[in-house]
């Protein structure tokens, strides 16, 4: 059975950001590496993204 891993470009697409913006994110450890290429299973990125804190900024005034 072939496993599917997301590349950095595909991770950026899944998150709806540019690949250059992704460079500022601390991604989870990759699920696989081939040489220096990292790959993540889709569910790894989904779980990581759901646990990330908000985009920051000031809290709303009440």
PDB file of N, CA and C in Angstrom:
ATOM      1  N   UNK A   1       0.841  -1.180   0.000  1.00  0.00           N
ATOM      2  CA  UNK A   1       0.000   0.000   0.000  1.00  0.00           C
ATOM      3  C   UNK A   1       0.889   1.247   0.000  1.00  0.00           C
ATOM      4  N   UNK A   2       0.600   2.151  -0.889  1.00  0.00           N
ATOM      5  CA  UNK A   2       1.351   3.398  -0.981  1.00  0.00           C
ATOM      6  C   UNK A   2       0.785   4.414   0.006  1.00  0.00           C
ATOM      7  N   UNK A   3       1.660   5.065   0.742  1.00  0.00           N
ATOM      8  CA  UNK A   3       1.236   6.114   1.684  1.00  0.00           C
ATOM      9  C   UNK A   3       1.407   7.464   1.015  1.00  0.00           C
ATOM     10  N   UNK A   4       0.516   8.388   1.314  1.00  0.00           N
ATOM     11  CA  UNK A   4       0.572   9.729   0.743  1.00  0.00           C
ATOM     12  C   UNK A   4       1.033  10.710   1.806  1.00  0.00           C
ATOM     13  N   UNK A   5       2.061  11.474   1.488  1.00  0.00           N
ATOM     14  CA  UNK A   5       2.587  12.496   2.384  1.00  0.00           C
ATOM     15  C   UNK A   5       2.484  13.845   1.703  1.00  0.00           C
ATOM     16  N   UNK A   6       2.285  14.888   2.504  1.00  0.00           N
ATOM     17  CA  UNK A   6       2.201  16.241   1.980  1.00  0.00           C
ATOM     18  C   UNK A   6       3.587  16.876   1.949  1.00  0.00           C
ATOM     19  N   UNK A   7       3.884  17.553   0.860  1.00  0.00           N
ATOM     20  CA  UNK A   7       5.120  18.325   0.755  1.00  0.00           C
ATOM     21  C   UNK A   7       4.886  19.682   1.417  1.00  0.00           C
ATOM     22  N   UNK A   8       5.938  20.483   1.537  1.00  0.00           N
ATOM     23  CA  UNK A   8       5.779  21.828   2.095  1.00  0.00           C
ATOM     24  C   UNK A   8       4.788  22.646   1.273  1.00  0.00           C
ATOM     25  N   UNK A   9       4.852  22.527  -0.037  1.00  0.00           N
ATOM     26  CA  UNK A   9       3.925  23.258  -0.894  1.00  0.00           C
ATOM     27  C   UNK A   9       2.494  22.825  -0.622  1.00  0.00           C
ATOM     28  N   UNK A  10       2.262  21.532  -0.480  1.00  0.00           N
ATOM     29  CA  UNK A  10       0.913  21.027  -0.218  1.00  0.00           C
ATOM     30  C   UNK A  10       0.434  21.409   1.181  1.00  0.00           C
ATOM     31  N   UNK A  11       1.338  21.453   2.167  1.00  0.00           N
ATOM     32  CA  UNK A  11       0.970  21.897   3.514  1.00  0.00           C
ATOM     33  C   UNK A  11       0.505  23.351   3.448  1.00  0.00           C
ATOM     34  N   UNK A  12       1.257  24.191   2.735  1.00  0.00           N
ATOM     35  CA  UNK A  12       0.878  25.600   2.594  1.00  0.00           C
ATOM     36  C   UNK A  12      -0.495  25.725   1.929  1.00  0.00           C
ATOM     37  N   UNK A  13      -0.740  24.939   0.895  1.00  0.00           N
ATOM     38  CA  UNK A  13      -2.040  24.968   0.218  1.00  0.00           C
ATOM     39  C   UNK A  13      -3.150  24.546   1.164  1.00  0.00           C
ATOM     40  N   UNK A  14      -2.924  23.507   1.953  1.00  0.00           N
ATOM     41  CA  UNK A  14      -3.939  23.021   2.888  1.00  0.00           C
ATOM     42  C   UNK A  14      -4.262  24.078   3.936  1.00  0.00           C
ATOM     43  N   UNK A  15      -3.249  24.855   4.358  1.00  0.00           N
ATOM     44  CA  UNK A  15      -3.455  25.884   5.371  1.00  0.00           C
ATOM     45  C   UNK A  15      -3.959  27.198   4.766  1.00  0.00           C
ATOM     46  N   UNK A  16      -3.927  27.294   3.438  1.00  0.00           N
ATOM     47  CA  UNK A  16      -4.387  28.506   2.772  1.00  0.00           C
ATOM     48  C   UNK A  16      -3.411  29.663   2.885  1.00  0.00           C
ATOM     49  N   UNK A  17      -2.118  29.355   2.923  1.00  0.00           N
ATOM     50  CA  UNK A  17      -1.088  30.391   3.019  1.00  0.00           C
ATOM     51  C   UNK A  17      -0.050  30.145   1.927  1.00  0.00           C
ATOM     52  N   UNK A  18       0.852  31.106   1.753  1.00  0.00           N
ATOM     53  CA  UNK A  18       1.912  30.929   0.767  1.00  0.00           C
ATOM     54  C   UNK A  18       3.031  30.068   1.360  1.00  0.00           C
ATOM     55  N   UNK A  19       3.819  29.504   0.469  1.00  0.00           N
ATOM     56  CA  UNK A  19       4.936  28.678   0.931  1.00  0.00           C
ATOM     57  C   UNK A  19       5.948  29.533   1.691  1.00  0.00           C
ATOM     58  N   UNK A  20       6.130  30.789   1.283  1.00  0.00           N
ATOM     59  CA  UNK A  20       7.072  31.655   1.995  1.00  0.00           C
ATOM     60  C   UNK A  20       6.548  31.989   3.392  1.00  0.00           C
ATOM     61  N   UNK A  21       5.238  32.123   3.557  1.00  0.00           N
ATOM     62  CA  UNK A  21       4.665  32.373   4.891  1.00  0.00           C
ATOM     63  C   UNK A  21       4.849  31.150   5.784  1.00  0.00           C
ATOM     64  N   UNK A  22       4.817  29.988   5.189  1.00  0.00           N
ATOM     65  CA  UNK A  22       4.970  28.746   5.946  1.00  0.00           C
ATOM     66  C   UNK A  22       6.340  28.663   6.617  1.00  0.00           C
ATOM     67  N   UNK A  23       7.318  29.355   6.070  1.00  0.00           N
ATOM     68  CA  UNK A  23       8.672  29.327   6.640  1.00  0.00           C
ATOM     69  C   UNK A  23       8.686  29.865   8.070  1.00  0.00           C
ATOM     70  N   UNK A  24       7.729  30.714   8.417  1.00  0.00           N
ATOM     71  CA  UNK A  24       7.667  31.271   9.760  1.00  0.00           C
ATOM     72  C   UNK A  24       6.934  30.395  10.763  1.00  0.00           C
ATOM     73  N   UNK A  25       6.387  29.278  10.332  1.00  0.00           N
ATOM     74  CA  UNK A  25       5.634  28.383  11.204  1.00  0.00           C
ATOM     75  C   UNK A  25       6.541  27.292  11.748  1.00  0.00           C
ATOM     76  N   UNK A  26       6.300  26.887  12.979  1.00  0.00           N
ATOM     77  CA  UNK A  26       7.013  25.747  13.554  1.00  0.00           C
ATOM     78  C   UNK A  26       6.137  24.516  13.338  1.00  0.00           C
ATOM     79  N   UNK A  27       6.458  23.770  12.297  1.00  0.00           N
ATOM     80  CA  UNK A  27       5.673  22.596  11.930  1.00  0.00           C
ATOM     81  C   UNK A  27       5.978  21.428  12.860  1.00  0.00           C
ATOM     82  N   UNK A  28       5.062  20.471  12.923  1.00  0.00           N
ATOM     83  CA  UNK A  28       5.349  19.274  13.717  1.00  0.00           C
ATOM     84  C   UNK A  28       6.457  18.463  13.050  1.00  0.00           C
ATOM     85  N   UNK A  29       7.050  17.539  13.791  1.00  0.00           N
ATOM     86  CA  UNK A  29       8.073  16.688  13.167  1.00  0.00           C
ATOM     87  C   UNK A  29       7.481  15.956  11.965  1.00  0.00           C
ATOM     88  N   UNK A  30       8.255  15.792  10.906  1.00  0.00           N
ATOM     89  CA  UNK A  30       7.727  15.106   9.718  1.00  0.00           C
ATOM     90  C   UNK A  30       7.444  13.634  10.016  1.00  0.00           C
ATOM     91  N   UNK A  31       6.486  13.097   9.281  1.00  0.00           N
ATOM     92  CA  UNK A  31       6.161  11.672   9.402  1.00  0.00           C
ATOM     93  C   UNK A  31       7.122  10.818   8.581  1.00  0.00           C
ATOM     94  N   UNK A  32       7.756  11.435   7.589  1.00  0.00           N
ATOM     95  CA  UNK A  32       8.703  10.706   6.743  1.00  0.00           C
ATOM     96  C   UNK A  32       9.724  11.688   6.188  1.00  0.00           C
ATOM     97  N   UNK A  33      10.904  11.180   5.923  1.00  0.00           N
ATOM     98  CA  UNK A  33      11.921  11.964   5.231  1.00  0.00           C
ATOM     99  C   UNK A  33      12.543  11.088   4.153  1.00  0.00           C
ATOM    100  N   UNK A  34      12.836  11.731   3.031  1.00  0.00           N
ATOM    101  CA  UNK A  34      13.570  11.075   1.949  1.00  0.00           C
ATOM    102  C   UNK A  34      14.718  12.018   1.640  1.00  0.00           C
ATOM    103  N   UNK A  35      15.888  11.656   2.065  1.00  0.00           N
ATOM    104  CA  UNK A  35      17.018  12.572   1.965  1.00  0.00           C
ATOM    105  C   UNK A  35      16.747  13.762   2.869  1.00  0.00           C
ATOM    106  N   UNK A  36      16.705  14.940   2.276  1.00  0.00           N
ATOM    107  CA  UNK A  36      16.406  16.140   3.060  1.00  0.00           C
ATOM    108  C   UNK A  36      14.958  16.597   2.889  1.00  0.00           C
ATOM    109  N   UNK A  37      14.167  15.858   2.136  1.00  0.00           N
ATOM    110  CA  UNK A  37      12.770  16.215   1.874  1.00  0.00           C
ATOM    111  C   UNK A  37      11.898  15.681   3.003  1.00  0.00           C
ATOM    112  N   UNK A  38      11.075  16.560   3.579  1.00  0.00           N
ATOM    113  CA  UNK A  38      10.173  16.170   4.666  1.00  0.00           C
ATOM    114  C   UNK A  38       8.768  15.958   4.125  1.00  0.00           C
ATOM    115  N   UNK A  39       8.026  15.065   4.765  1.00  0.00           N
ATOM    116  CA  UNK A  39       6.645  14.805   4.368  1.00  0.00           C
ATOM    117  C   UNK A  39       5.775  14.570   5.596  1.00  0.00           C
ATOM    118  N   UNK A  40       4.525  15.032   5.517  1.00  0.00           N
ATOM    119  CA  UNK A  40       3.577  14.886   6.613  1.00  0.00           C
ATOM    120  C   UNK A  40       2.317  14.204   6.110  1.00  0.00           C
ATOM    121  N   UNK A  41       1.779  13.316   6.930  1.00  0.00           N
ATOM    122  CA  UNK A  41       0.487  12.731   6.599  1.00  0.00           C
ATOM    123  C   UNK A  41      -0.563  13.820   6.776  1.00  0.00           C
ATOM    124  N   UNK A  42      -1.597  13.821   5.940  1.00  0.00           N
ATOM    125  CA  UNK A  42      -2.621  14.867   6.036  1.00  0.00           C
ATOM    126  C   UNK A  42      -3.210  15.011   7.438  1.00  0.00           C
ATOM    127  N   UNK A  43      -3.453  13.891   8.124  1.00  0.00           N
ATOM    128  CA  UNK A  43      -4.062  13.986   9.457  1.00  0.00           C
ATOM    129  C   UNK A  43      -3.102  14.617  10.469  1.00  0.00           C
ATOM    130  N   UNK A  44      -1.782  14.486  10.257  1.00  0.00           N
ATOM    131  CA  UNK A  44      -0.815  15.120  11.152  1.00  0.00           C
ATOM    132  C   UNK A  44      -0.946  16.637  11.070  1.00  0.00           C
ATOM    133  N   UNK A  45      -1.044  17.167   9.854  1.00  0.00           N
ATOM    134  CA  UNK A  45      -1.172  18.614   9.670  1.00  0.00           C
ATOM    135  C   UNK A  45      -2.534  19.091  10.171  1.00  0.00           C
ATOM    136  N   UNK A  46      -3.592  18.326   9.927  1.00  0.00           N
ATOM    137  CA  UNK A  46      -4.932  18.709  10.410  1.00  0.00           C
ATOM    138  C   UNK A  46      -4.952  18.786  11.928  1.00  0.00           C
ATOM    139  N   UNK A  47      -4.365  17.806  12.603  1.00  0.00           N
ATOM    140  CA  UNK A  47      -4.336  17.799  14.075  1.00  0.00           C
ATOM    141  C   UNK A  47      -3.484  18.950  14.595  1.00  0.00           C
ATOM    142  N   UNK A  48      -2.340  19.184  13.984  1.00  0.00           N
ATOM    143  CA  UNK A  48      -1.454  20.273  14.400  1.00  0.00           C
ATOM    144  C   UNK A  48      -2.149  21.622  14.217  1.00  0.00           C
ATOM    145  N   UNK A  49      -2.807  21.802  13.066  1.00  0.00           N
ATOM    146  CA  UNK A  49      -3.473  23.072  12.776  1.00  0.00           C
ATOM    147  C   UNK A  49      -4.624  23.331  13.744  1.00  0.00           C
ATOM    148  N   UNK A  50      -5.328  22.296  14.141  1.00  0.00           N
ATOM    149  CA  UNK A  50      -6.461  22.481  15.062  1.00  0.00           C
ATOM    150  C   UNK A  50      -5.987  22.837  16.469  1.00  0.00           C
ATOM    151  N   UNK A  51      -4.731  22.542  16.796  1.00  0.00           N
ATOM    152  CA  UNK A  51      -4.193  22.832  18.126  1.00  0.00           C
ATOM    153  C   UNK A  51      -3.419  24.150  18.194  1.00  0.00           C
ATOM    154  N   UNK A  52      -3.208  24.779  17.030  1.00  0.00           N
ATOM    155  CA  UNK A  52      -2.443  26.032  17.027  1.00  0.00           C
ATOM    156  C   UNK A  52      -3.241  27.132  17.704  1.00  0.00           C
ATOM    157  N   UNK A  53      -2.551  28.014  18.425  1.00  0.00           N
ATOM    158  CA  UNK A  53      -3.251  29.161  18.989  1.00  0.00           C
ATOM    159  C   UNK A  53      -3.687  30.111  17.871  1.00  0.00           C
ATOM    160  N   UNK A  54      -4.514  31.086  18.221  1.00  0.00           N
ATOM    161  CA  UNK A  54      -5.000  32.053  17.237  1.00  0.00           C
ATOM    162  C   UNK A  54      -3.872  32.823  16.586  1.00  0.00           C
ATOM    163  N   UNK A  55      -4.217  33.759  15.767  1.00  0.00           N
ATOM    164  CA  UNK A  55      -3.223  34.506  15.022  1.00  0.00           C
ATOM    165  C   UNK A  55      -2.599  35.632  15.842  1.00  0.00           C
ATOM    166  N   UNK A  56      -2.934  35.703  17.106  1.00  0.00           N
ATOM    167  CA  UNK A  56      -2.322  36.707  17.972  1.00  0.00           C
ATOM    168  C   UNK A  56      -3.032  38.038  17.876  1.00  0.00           C
ATOM    169  N   UNK A  57      -2.319  39.082  18.211  1.00  0.00           N
ATOM    170  CA  UNK A  57      -2.923  40.405  18.208  1.00  0.00           C
ATOM    171  C   UNK A  57      -3.522  40.726  19.562  1.00  0.00           C
ATOM    172  N   UNK A  58      -4.111  41.879  19.619  1.00  0.00           N
ATOM    173  CA  UNK A  58      -4.712  42.309  20.876  1.00  0.00           C
ATOM    174  C   UNK A  58      -6.037  41.601  21.119  1.00  0.00           C
ATOM    175  N   UNK A  59      -6.347  41.360  22.386  1.00  0.00           N
ATOM    176  CA  UNK A  59      -7.663  40.816  22.676  1.00  0.00           C
ATOM    177  C   UNK A  59      -8.729  41.874  22.397  1.00  0.00           C
ATOM    178  N   UNK A  60      -9.920  41.428  22.101  1.00  0.00           N
ATOM    179  CA  UNK A  60     -11.019  42.361  21.808  1.00  0.00           C
ATOM    180  C   UNK A  60     -11.401  43.143  23.053  1.00  0.00           C
ATOM    181  N   UNK A  61     -11.764  44.390  22.827  1.00  0.00           N
ATOM    182  CA  UNK A  61     -12.269  45.199  23.945  1.00  0.00           C
ATOM    183  C   UNK A  61     -13.664  44.745  24.288  1.00  0.00           C
ATOM    184  N   UNK A  62     -14.001  44.824  25.560  1.00  0.00           N
ATOM    185  CA  UNK A  62     -15.341  44.441  25.997  1.00  0.00           C
ATOM    186  C   UNK A  62     -16.125  45.625  26.405  1.00  0.00           C
TER     187      UNK A  62
END
